[in-house]
C-alpha atoms as a PDB file:
ATOM      1  CA  UNK A   1     -12.254   8.169 -42.003  1.00  0.00           C
ATOM      2  CA  UNK A   2     -13.044   7.008 -38.457  1.00  0.00           C
ATOM      3  CA  UNK A   3     -11.626   9.471 -35.941  1.00  0.00           C
ATOM      4  CA  UNK A   4     -12.874   7.557 -32.890  1.00  0.00           C
ATOM      5  CA  UNK A   5     -10.141   6.467 -30.486  1.00  0.00           C
ATOM      6  CA  UNK A   6     -10.840   3.642 -28.043  1.00  0.00           C
ATOM      7  CA  UNK A   7     -10.252   4.121 -24.325  1.00  0.00           C
ATOM      8  CA  UNK A   8      -7.596   1.403 -24.443  1.00  0.00           C
ATOM      9  CA  UNK A   9      -5.741   3.266 -27.196  1.00  0.00           C
ATOM     10  CA  UNK A  10      -6.004   6.525 -25.245  1.00  0.00           C
ATOM     11  CA  UNK A  11      -4.654   4.885 -22.091  1.00  0.00           C
ATOM     12  CA  UNK A  12      -1.853   3.303 -24.093  1.00  0.00           C
ATOM     13  CA  UNK A  13      -0.944   6.657 -25.662  1.00  0.00           C
ATOM     14  CA  UNK A  14      -1.050   8.416 -22.285  1.00  0.00           C
ATOM     15  CA  UNK A  15       1.019   5.655 -20.738  1.00  0.00           C
ATOM     16  CA  UNK A  16       3.640   5.975 -23.476  1.00  0.00           C
ATOM     17  CA  UNK A  17       3.783   9.724 -22.940  1.00  0.00           C
ATOM     18  CA  UNK A  18       4.276   9.309 -19.211  1.00  0.00           C
ATOM     19  CA  UNK A  19       6.941   6.650 -19.630  1.00  0.00           C
ATOM     20  CA  UNK A  20       8.825   8.867 -22.087  1.00  0.00           C
ATOM     21  CA  UNK A  21       8.467  11.981 -19.924  1.00  0.00           C
ATOM     22  CA  UNK A  22       9.694  10.521 -16.640  1.00  0.00           C
ATOM     23  CA  UNK A  23      13.004   8.813 -15.964  1.00  0.00           C
ATOM     24  CA  UNK A  24      12.208   6.091 -13.420  1.00  0.00           C
ATOM     25  CA  UNK A  25      13.755   6.758 -10.030  1.00  0.00           C
ATOM     26  CA  UNK A  26      16.330   4.406  -8.556  1.00  0.00           C
ATOM     27  CA  UNK A  27      15.660   2.697  -5.247  1.00  0.00           C
ATOM     28  CA  UNK A  28      18.198   5.013  -3.636  1.00  0.00           C
ATOM     29  CA  UNK A  29      16.320   8.041  -4.949  1.00  0.00           C
ATOM     30  CA  UNK A  30      13.033   6.619  -3.665  1.00  0.00           C
ATOM     31  CA  UNK A  31      14.490   6.036  -0.198  1.00  0.00           C
ATOM     32  CA  UNK A  32      15.901   9.573  -0.046  1.00  0.00           C
ATOM     33  CA  UNK A  33      13.037  11.375  -1.773  1.00  0.00           C
ATOM     34  CA  UNK A  34      12.522  14.958  -0.633  1.00  0.00           C
ATOM     35  CA  UNK A  35       8.857  15.836  -1.051  1.00  0.00           C
ATOM     36  CA  UNK A  36       7.462  19.252  -1.866  1.00  0.00           C
ATOM     37  CA  UNK A  37       4.741  20.495   0.477  1.00  0.00           C
ATOM     38  CA  UNK A  38       2.114  19.853  -2.206  1.00  0.00           C
ATOM     39  CA  UNK A  39       3.505  16.542  -3.523  1.00  0.00           C
ATOM     40  CA  UNK A  40       0.174  14.775  -2.986  1.00  0.00           C
ATOM     41  CA  UNK A  41      -2.167  17.734  -3.508  1.00  0.00           C
ATOM     42  CA  UNK A  42      -5.454  16.700  -5.116  1.00  0.00           C
ATOM     43  CA  UNK A  43      -4.911  12.989  -4.574  1.00  0.00           C
ATOM     44  CA  UNK A  44      -7.240  10.625  -2.733  1.00  0.00           C
ATOM     45  CA  UNK A  45      -5.331   7.787  -1.061  1.00  0.00           C
ATOM     46  CA  UNK A  46      -6.714   4.785   0.835  1.00  0.00           C
ATOM     47  CA  UNK A  47      -4.565   3.272   3.588  1.00  0.00           C
ATOM     48  CA  UNK A  48      -5.365  -0.127   5.097  1.00  0.00           C
ATOM     49  CA  UNK A  49      -4.329  -0.785   8.673  1.00  0.00           C
ATOM     50  CA  UNK A  50      -4.459   2.982   9.150  1.00  0.00           C
ATOM     51  CA  UNK A  51      -5.104   2.899  12.886  1.00  0.00           C
ATOM     52  CA  UNK A  52      -1.672   1.880  14.104  1.00  0.00           C
ATOM     53  CA  UNK A  53       2.023   1.563  13.304  1.00  0.00           C
ATOM     54  CA  UNK A  54       3.272   2.326   9.815  1.00  0.00           C
ATOM     55  CA  UNK A  55      -0.286   2.700   8.480  1.00  0.00           C
ATOM     56  CA  UNK A  56      -1.119   5.425  10.972  1.00  0.00           C
ATOM     57  CA  UNK A  57       2.054   7.375  10.239  1.00  0.00           C
ATOM     58  CA  UNK A  58       1.604   6.953   6.473  1.00  0.00           C
ATOM     59  CA  UNK A  59      -1.947   8.307   6.702  1.00  0.00           C
ATOM     60  CA  UNK A  60      -0.781  11.342   8.683  1.00  0.00           C
ATOM     61  CA  UNK A  61       2.111  11.892   6.292  1.00  0.00           C
ATOM     62  CA  UNK A  62      -0.063  11.685   3.177  1.00  0.00           C
ATOM     63  CA  UNK A  63      -2.430  14.223   4.707  1.00  0.00           C
ATOM     64  CA  UNK A  64       0.486  16.508   5.547  1.00  0.00           C
ATOM     65  CA  UNK A  65       1.510  16.564   1.888  1.00  0.00           C
ATOM     66  CA  UNK A  66      -1.958  17.461   0.652  1.00  0.00           C
ATOM     67  CA  UNK A  67      -3.829  14.189   0.099  1.00  0.00           C
ATOM     68  CA  UNK A  68      -7.343  13.331   1.168  1.00  0.00           C
ATOM     69  CA  UNK A  69      -6.826  10.132   3.152  1.00  0.00           C
ATOM     70  CA  UNK A  70      -9.303   7.281   3.485  1.00  0.00           C
ATOM     71  CA  UNK A  71      -8.667   5.414   6.723  1.00  0.00           C
ATOM     72  CA  UNK A  72      -9.485   1.707   6.528  1.00  0.00           C
ATOM     73  CA  UNK A  73      -9.102  -0.585   9.507  1.00  0.00           C
ATOM     74  CA  UNK A  74     -10.780  -2.934  11.927  1.00  0.00           C
ATOM     75  CA  UNK A  75     -10.813  -0.797  15.082  1.00  0.00           C
ATOM     76  CA  UNK A  76     -12.972   2.301  14.695  1.00  0.00           C
ATOM     77  CA  UNK A  77     -11.628   4.013  17.808  1.00  0.00           C
ATOM     78  CA  UNK A  78      -8.088   3.923  16.435  1.00  0.00           C
ATOM     79  CA  UNK A  79      -9.245   5.291  13.084  1.00  0.00           C
ATOM     80  CA  UNK A  80     -11.103   8.074  14.887  1.00  0.00           C
ATOM     81  CA  UNK A  81      -7.902   9.038  16.703  1.00  0.00           C
ATOM     82  CA  UNK A  82      -6.018   9.303  13.391  1.00  0.00           C
ATOM     83  CA  UNK A  83      -8.944  11.253  11.912  1.00  0.00           C
ATOM     84  CA  UNK A  84      -8.704  13.749  14.774  1.00  0.00           C
ATOM     85  CA  UNK A  85      -4.935  14.080  14.342  1.00  0.00           C
ATOM     86  CA  UNK A  86      -5.329  14.893  10.650  1.00  0.00           C
ATOM     87  CA  UNK A  87      -8.007  17.478  11.351  1.00  0.00           C
ATOM     88  CA  UNK A  88      -5.997  19.054  14.176  1.00  0.00           C
ATOM     89  CA  UNK A  89      -2.999  19.607  11.893  1.00  0.00           C
ATOM     90  CA  UNK A  90      -5.173  21.251   9.243  1.00  0.00           C
ATOM     91  CA  UNK A  91      -5.250  18.413   6.738  1.00  0.00           C
ATOM     92  CA  UNK A  92      -8.082  17.794   4.320  1.00  0.00           C
ATOM     93  CA  UNK A  93     -11.047  16.076   5.931  1.00  0.00           C
ATOM     94  CA  UNK A  94     -10.331  12.327   5.933  1.00  0.00           C
ATOM     95  CA  UNK A  95     -12.846   9.489   5.918  1.00  0.00           C
ATOM     96  CA  UNK A  96     -13.193   6.502   8.224  1.00  0.00           C
ATOM     97  CA  UNK A  97     -13.877   3.164   6.507  1.00  0.00           C
ATOM     98  CA  UNK A  98     -14.283   0.416   9.121  1.00  0.00           C
ATOM     99  CA  UNK A  99     -13.558  -3.011   7.623  1.00  0.00           C
ATOM    100  CA  UNK A 100     -12.309  -6.281   9.070  1.00  0.00           C
ATOM    101  CA  UNK A 101     -10.221  -7.854   6.325  1.00  0.00           C
ATOM    102  CA  UNK A 102     -10.526 -11.275   7.955  1.00  0.00           C
ATOM    103  CA  UNK A 103     -14.284 -11.399   7.440  1.00  0.00           C
ATOM    104  CA  UNK A 104     -15.095  -8.771   4.785  1.00  0.00           C
ATOM    105  CA  UNK A 105     -16.796 -10.171   1.683  1.00  0.00           C
ATOM    106  CA  UNK A 106     -15.971  -9.250  -1.888  1.00  0.00           C
ATOM    107  CA  UNK A 107     -19.434  -7.719  -2.158  1.00  0.00           C
ATOM    108  CA  UNK A 108     -18.605  -5.373   0.736  1.00  0.00           C
ATOM    109  CA  UNK A 109     -15.416  -4.344  -1.043  1.00  0.00           C
ATOM    110  CA  UNK A 110     -17.305  -3.606  -4.253  1.00  0.00           C
ATOM    111  CA  UNK A 111     -19.776  -1.518  -2.241  1.00  0.00           C
ATOM    112  CA  UNK A 112     -16.795   0.348  -0.815  1.00  0.00           C
ATOM    113  CA  UNK A 113     -15.616   1.139  -4.341  1.00  0.00           C
ATOM    114  CA  UNK A 114     -19.024   2.570  -5.202  1.00  0.00           C
ATOM    115  CA  UNK A 115     -19.081   4.590  -1.964  1.00  0.00           C
ATOM    116  CA  UNK A 116     -15.673   6.115  -2.689  1.00  0.00           C
ATOM    117  CA  UNK A 117     -16.776   6.944  -6.221  1.00  0.00           C
ATOM    118  CA  UNK A 118     -19.942   8.612  -4.931  1.00  0.00           C
ATOM    119  CA  UNK A 119     -18.325  10.576  -2.109  1.00  0.00           C
ATOM    120  CA  UNK A 120     -14.956  11.473  -3.645  1.00  0.00           C
ATOM    121  CA  UNK A 121     -15.238  10.754  -7.360  1.00  0.00           C
ATOM    122  CA  UNK A 122     -11.699   9.398  -7.571  1.00  0.00           C
ATOM    123  CA  UNK A 123      -9.058   7.152  -6.034  1.00  0.00           C
ATOM    124  CA  UNK A 124      -5.421   7.834  -6.852  1.00  0.00           C
ATOM    125  CA  UNK A 125      -3.539   5.616  -4.443  1.00  0.00           C
ATOM    126  CA  UNK A 126      -3.891   2.461  -2.374  1.00  0.00           C
ATOM    127  CA  UNK A 127      -1.439   1.533   0.370  1.00  0.00           C
ATOM    128  CA  UNK A 128      -1.852  -2.036   1.575  1.00  0.00           C
ATOM    129  CA  UNK A 129      -0.405  -1.914   5.072  1.00  0.00           C
ATOM    130  CA  UNK A 130      -2.740  -4.145   7.118  1.00  0.00           C
ATOM    131  CA  UNK A 131      -1.296  -7.482   8.159  1.00  0.00           C
ATOM    132  CA  UNK A 132      -0.755  -9.910  11.004  1.00  0.00           C
ATOM    133  CA  UNK A 133       2.296 -11.895  12.072  1.00  0.00           C
ATOM    134  CA  UNK A 134       0.715 -15.229  12.924  1.00  0.00           C
ATOM    135  CA  UNK A 135       2.893 -17.872  14.541  1.00  0.00           C
ATOM    136  CA  UNK A 136       6.661 -18.286  14.403  1.00  0.00           C
ATOM    137  CA  UNK A 137       6.884 -22.039  14.241  1.00  0.00           C
ATOM    138  CA  UNK A 138       7.861 -24.849  11.845  1.00  0.00           C
ATOM    139  CA  UNK A 139       5.386 -25.395   9.007  1.00  0.00           C
ATOM    140  CA  UNK A 140       5.088 -29.000  10.149  1.00  0.00           C
ATOM    141  CA  UNK A 141       3.521 -27.766  13.389  1.00  0.00           C
ATOM    142  CA  UNK A 142       1.689 -24.687  12.056  1.00  0.00           C
ATOM    143  CA  UNK A 143      -1.934 -24.478  13.155  1.00  0.00           C
ATOM    144  CA  UNK A 144      -3.979 -24.713   9.968  1.00  0.00           C
ATOM    145  CA  UNK A 145      -6.633 -22.266  11.155  1.00  0.00           C
ATOM    146  CA  UNK A 146      -3.996 -19.662  11.991  1.00  0.00           C
ATOM    147  CA  UNK A 147      -2.366 -20.309   8.614  1.00  0.00           C
ATOM    148  CA  UNK A 148      -5.671 -19.606   6.852  1.00  0.00           C
ATOM    149  CA  UNK A 149      -6.201 -16.434   8.906  1.00  0.00           C
ATOM    150  CA  UNK A 150      -2.766 -15.026   8.062  1.00  0.00           C
ATOM    151  CA  UNK A 151      -3.156 -15.773   4.364  1.00  0.00           C
ATOM    152  CA  UNK A 152      -6.659 -14.271   4.358  1.00  0.00           C
ATOM    153  CA  UNK A 153      -5.664 -10.966   5.955  1.00  0.00           C
ATOM    154  CA  UNK A 154      -2.209 -10.560   4.443  1.00  0.00           C
ATOM    155  CA  UNK A 155      -2.871 -11.854   0.931  1.00  0.00           C
ATOM    156  CA  UNK A 156      -6.373 -12.952  -0.119  1.00  0.00           C
ATOM    157  CA  UNK A 157      -8.182  -9.865   1.204  1.00  0.00           C
ATOM    158  CA  UNK A 158      -5.454  -7.692  -0.293  1.00  0.00           C
ATOM    159  CA  UNK A 159      -6.062  -9.245  -3.699  1.00  0.00           C
ATOM    160  CA  UNK A 160      -9.846  -8.884  -3.418  1.00  0.00           C
ATOM    161  CA  UNK A 161      -9.679  -5.258  -2.295  1.00  0.00           C
ATOM    162  CA  UNK A 162      -7.244  -4.381  -5.069  1.00  0.00           C
ATOM    163  CA  UNK A 163      -9.468  -5.978  -7.689  1.00  0.00           C
ATOM    164  CA  UNK A 164     -12.593  -4.323  -6.296  1.00  0.00           C
ATOM    165  CA  UNK A 165     -10.971  -0.862  -6.363  1.00  0.00           C
ATOM    166  CA  UNK A 166      -9.315  -1.232  -9.775  1.00  0.00           C
ATOM    167  CA  UNK A 167     -12.098   0.529 -11.721  1.00  0.00           C
ATOM    168  CA  UNK A 168     -11.470   3.730  -9.759  1.00  0.00           C
ATOM    169  CA  UNK A 169      -7.698   3.343  -9.764  1.00  0.00           C
ATOM    170  CA  UNK A 170      -7.644   2.800 -13.535  1.00  0.00           C
ATOM    171  CA  UNK A 171      -9.575   6.053 -13.994  1.00  0.00           C
ATOM    172  CA  UNK A 172      -6.898   7.976 -12.090  1.00  0.00           C
ATOM    173  CA  UNK A 173      -4.323   9.833 -14.156  1.00  0.00           C
ATOM    174  CA  UNK A 174      -1.496   7.932 -12.496  1.00  0.00           C
ATOM    175  CA  UNK A 175      -2.865   5.379 -10.039  1.00  0.00           C
ATOM    176  CA  UNK A 176      -0.402   3.862  -7.577  1.00  0.00           C
ATOM    177  CA  UNK A 177      -0.825   0.630  -5.606  1.00  0.00           C
ATOM    178  CA  UNK A 178       1.769  -0.159  -2.940  1.00  0.00           C
ATOM    179  CA  UNK A 179       1.981  -3.500  -1.154  1.00  0.00           C
ATOM    180  CA  UNK A 180       3.867  -4.005   2.116  1.00  0.00           C
ATOM    181  CA  UNK A 181       6.333  -6.854   1.883  1.00  0.00           C
ATOM    182  CA  UNK A 182       9.120  -8.086   4.151  1.00  0.00           C
ATOM    183  CA  UNK A 183      12.632  -9.448   3.925  1.00  0.00           C
ATOM    184  CA  UNK A 184      11.211 -12.917   4.623  1.00  0.00           C
ATOM    185  CA  UNK A 185       8.920 -12.454   1.632  1.00  0.00           C
ATOM    186  CA  UNK A 186      11.840 -11.832  -0.709  1.00  0.00           C
ATOM    187  CA  UNK A 187      14.051 -14.383   1.041  1.00  0.00           C
ATOM    188  CA  UNK A 188      11.836 -16.959   2.825  1.00  0.00           C
ATOM    189  CA  UNK A 189      13.201 -17.988   6.195  1.00  0.00           C
ATOM    190  CA  UNK A 190      12.600 -21.022   8.399  1.00  0.00           C
ATOM    191  CA  UNK A 191       9.915 -20.688  11.092  1.00  0.00           C
ATOM    192  CA  UNK A 192       8.283 -17.613   9.524  1.00  0.00           C
ATOM    193  CA  UNK A 193       5.587 -19.805   8.015  1.00  0.00           C
ATOM    194  CA  UNK A 194       2.409 -18.184   6.741  1.00  0.00           C
ATOM    195  CA  UNK A 195       3.729 -14.654   7.194  1.00  0.00           C
ATOM    196  CA  UNK A 196       6.680 -15.277   4.876  1.00  0.00           C
ATOM    197  CA  UNK A 197       4.501 -17.103   2.354  1.00  0.00           C
ATOM    198  CA  UNK A 198       1.886 -14.335   2.357  1.00  0.00           C
ATOM    199  CA  UNK A 199       4.534 -11.701   1.677  1.00  0.00           C
ATOM    200  CA  UNK A 200       6.103 -13.837  -1.037  1.00  0.00           C
ATOM    201  CA  UNK A 201       2.654 -14.087  -2.616  1.00  0.00           C
ATOM    202  CA  UNK A 202       2.210 -10.300  -2.456  1.00  0.00           C
ATOM    203  CA  UNK A 203       5.450  -9.753  -4.340  1.00  0.00           C
ATOM    204  CA  UNK A 204       4.315 -12.219  -6.990  1.00  0.00           C
ATOM    205  CA  UNK A 205       0.914 -10.548  -7.256  1.00  0.00           C
ATOM    206  CA  UNK A 206       2.524  -7.129  -7.722  1.00  0.00           C
ATOM    207  CA  UNK A 207       4.705  -8.558 -10.484  1.00  0.00           C
ATOM    208  CA  UNK A 208       1.779 -10.189 -12.292  1.00  0.00           C
ATOM    209  CA  UNK A 209      -0.417  -7.084 -12.023  1.00  0.00           C
ATOM    210  CA  UNK A 210       2.472  -5.069 -13.451  1.00  0.00           C
ATOM    211  CA  UNK A 211       2.873  -7.375 -16.436  1.00  0.00           C
ATOM    212  CA  UNK A 212      -0.861  -7.409 -17.119  1.00  0.00           C
ATOM    213  CA  UNK A 213      -1.433  -3.644 -16.927  1.00  0.00           C
ATOM    214  CA  UNK A 214       1.771  -1.926 -18.055  1.00  0.00           C
ATOM    215  CA  UNK A 215       0.842  -1.667 -21.731  1.00  0.00           C
ATOM    216  CA  UNK A 216      -2.786  -0.603 -21.344  1.00  0.00           C
ATOM    217  CA  UNK A 217      -2.985   1.570 -18.209  1.00  0.00           C
ATOM    218  CA  UNK A 218      -1.023   4.139 -16.205  1.00  0.00           C
ATOM    219  CA  UNK A 219      -1.273   2.011 -13.073  1.00  0.00           C
ATOM    220  CA  UNK A 220       1.878   1.206 -11.192  1.00  0.00           C
ATOM    221  CA  UNK A 221       2.214  -1.633  -8.701  1.00  0.00           C
ATOM    222  CA  UNK A 222       5.165  -1.768  -6.315  1.00  0.00           C
ATOM    223  CA  UNK A 223       6.174  -3.315  -3.005  1.00  0.00           C
ATOM    224  CA  UNK A 224       7.888  -1.697  -0.049  1.00  0.00           C
ATOM    225  CA  UNK A 225      10.002  -3.724   2.352  1.00  0.00           C
ATOM    226  CA  UNK A 226      10.290  -1.398   5.369  1.00  0.00           C
ATOM    227  CA  UNK A 227      12.843  -3.550   7.206  1.00  0.00           C
ATOM    228  CA  UNK A 228      13.019  -3.623  10.995  1.00  0.00           C
ATOM    229  CA  UNK A 229      10.789  -0.822  12.303  1.00  0.00           C
ATOM    230  CA  UNK A 230       9.730   0.092  15.843  1.00  0.00           C
ATOM    231  CA  UNK A 231       6.187  -1.314  15.769  1.00  0.00           C
ATOM    232  CA  UNK A 232       4.092  -3.653  17.900  1.00  0.00           C
ATOM    233  CA  UNK A 233       4.407  -6.410  15.290  1.00  0.00           C
ATOM    234  CA  UNK A 234       8.185  -6.178  15.390  1.00  0.00           C
ATOM    235  CA  UNK A 235       8.144  -6.364  19.190  1.00  0.00           C
ATOM    236  CA  UNK A 236       6.110  -9.578  19.028  1.00  0.00           C
ATOM    237  CA  UNK A 237       8.464 -11.093  16.470  1.00  0.00           C
ATOM    238  CA  UNK A 238      11.631 -10.086  18.339  1.00  0.00           C
ATOM    239  CA  UNK A 239      10.717  -9.755  22.028  1.00  0.00           C
ATOM    240  CA  UNK A 240      14.352  -9.570  23.146  1.00  0.00           C
ATOM    241  CA  UNK A 241      15.299  -6.788  20.755  1.00  0.00           C
ATOM    242  CA  UNK A 242      15.983  -3.251  21.950  1.00  0.00           C
ATOM    243  CA  UNK A 243      13.297  -1.198  20.159  1.00  0.00           C
ATOM    244  CA  UNK A 244      15.409   1.937  20.466  1.00  0.00           C
ATOM    245  CA  UNK A 245      17.892   0.371  18.034  1.00  0.00           C
ATOM    246  CA  UNK A 246      15.254   0.452  15.281  1.00  0.00           C
ATOM    247  CA  UNK A 247      14.055   3.177  12.961  1.00  0.00           C
ATOM    248  CA  UNK A 248      10.602   4.612  13.599  1.00  0.00           C
ATOM    249  CA  UNK A 249       7.822   4.673  10.991  1.00  0.00           C
ATOM    250  CA  UNK A 250       8.440   8.416  10.640  1.00  0.00           C
ATOM    251  CA  UNK A 251      12.025   7.710   9.580  1.00  0.00           C
ATOM    252  CA  UNK A 252      10.980   5.831   6.417  1.00  0.00           C
ATOM    253  CA  UNK A 253       8.114   7.932   5.104  1.00  0.00           C
ATOM    254  CA  UNK A 254      10.083   9.460   2.213  1.00  0.00           C
ATOM    255  CA  UNK A 255       9.612   6.298   0.128  1.00  0.00           C
ATOM    256  CA  UNK A 256       5.920   6.042   0.992  1.00  0.00           C
ATOM    257  CA  UNK A 257       5.308   9.588  -0.227  1.00  0.00           C
ATOM    258  CA  UNK A 258       7.494   9.108  -3.282  1.00  0.00           C
ATOM    259  CA  UNK A 259       5.621   6.044  -4.538  1.00  0.00           C
ATOM    260  CA  UNK A 260       2.296   7.880  -4.247  1.00  0.00           C
ATOM    261  CA  UNK A 261       3.576  11.050  -5.921  1.00  0.00           C
ATOM    262  CA  UNK A 262       3.836  11.755  -9.631  1.00  0.00           C
ATOM    263  CA  UNK A 263       7.613  11.693  -9.270  1.00  0.00           C
ATOM    264  CA  UNK A 264       7.473   7.892  -9.239  1.00  0.00           C
ATOM    265  CA  UNK A 265       5.694   7.558 -12.580  1.00  0.00           C
ATOM    266  CA  UNK A 266       7.603   4.885 -14.461  1.00  0.00           C
ATOM    267  CA  UNK A 267       8.510   2.932 -11.310  1.00  0.00           C
ATOM    268  CA  UNK A 268       6.709  -0.381 -11.777  1.00  0.00           C
ATOM    269  CA  UNK A 269       6.987  -3.897 -10.451  1.00  0.00           C
ATOM    270  CA  UNK A 270       9.695  -3.012  -7.927  1.00  0.00           C
ATOM    271  CA  UNK A 271      10.394  -4.293  -4.429  1.00  0.00           C
ATOM    272  CA  UNK A 272      11.986  -1.316  -2.709  1.00  0.00           C
ATOM    273  CA  UNK A 273      14.023  -2.216   0.374  1.00  0.00           C
ATOM    274  CA  UNK A 274      14.096   0.720   2.745  1.00  0.00           C
ATOM    275  CA  UNK A 275      16.970  -0.692   4.814  1.00  0.00           C
ATOM    276  CA  UNK A 276      19.119  -2.671   2.369  1.00  0.00           C
ATOM    277  CA  UNK A 277      22.022  -4.635   3.738  1.00  0.00           C
ATOM    278  CA  UNK A 278      25.448  -3.304   2.767  1.00  0.00           C
END
């Protein structure tokens, strides 16, 4: 009798166990998740766009709940500031990973995967937060170079980085990949052009990855739609809006922690709106 069990069979068995052991959380439960102090203890989580806005706050929050955070972004000085904040609050030593998603090659991303494997030996979570707004103008008039830039940063580079890091994420006990979407990704709106299309593409990619991996791995792919948040991007999109009327990135971190924690095992292929309309 052959007692050898393939890795695919093992992953499938483990996946079945996890699915049977955890009742998937509702979106309401994800939004209102109350994390334990050690909710992310032992996890290594990479955050793109970690130098500013939601990415910066997510990185600090993950560190506060016990994760080792890998800070990926274009501007090293901003990443260094977040690094210092994490160290000053007593978090585990983070890492700075400078990368410009507009110009980074797939080879560079594969080298990054090997570097993470060598230095940390694991990768448990990936938060795709980096993105640019582009132009708010009719598609008929949209500058084609700007269109390509938005799609590259918001979608194509996100796909490449996800694929490059999948070997490490698949080795994690319960790897979690979270994409940042938008209301105009779920419901495309006139004049939002490449930004809306890039977010729509992200939601589709999350869905396809979910379908392709759910029966053979423990990976979970989900999207977060943060809604209107007090960030620089929001200010550019709505220059006449009172920023004090908006939630801050700190106000929405419960869902970001939840989707990286083991409490969200079983949550797959979802688009979680953090500020749903009544």
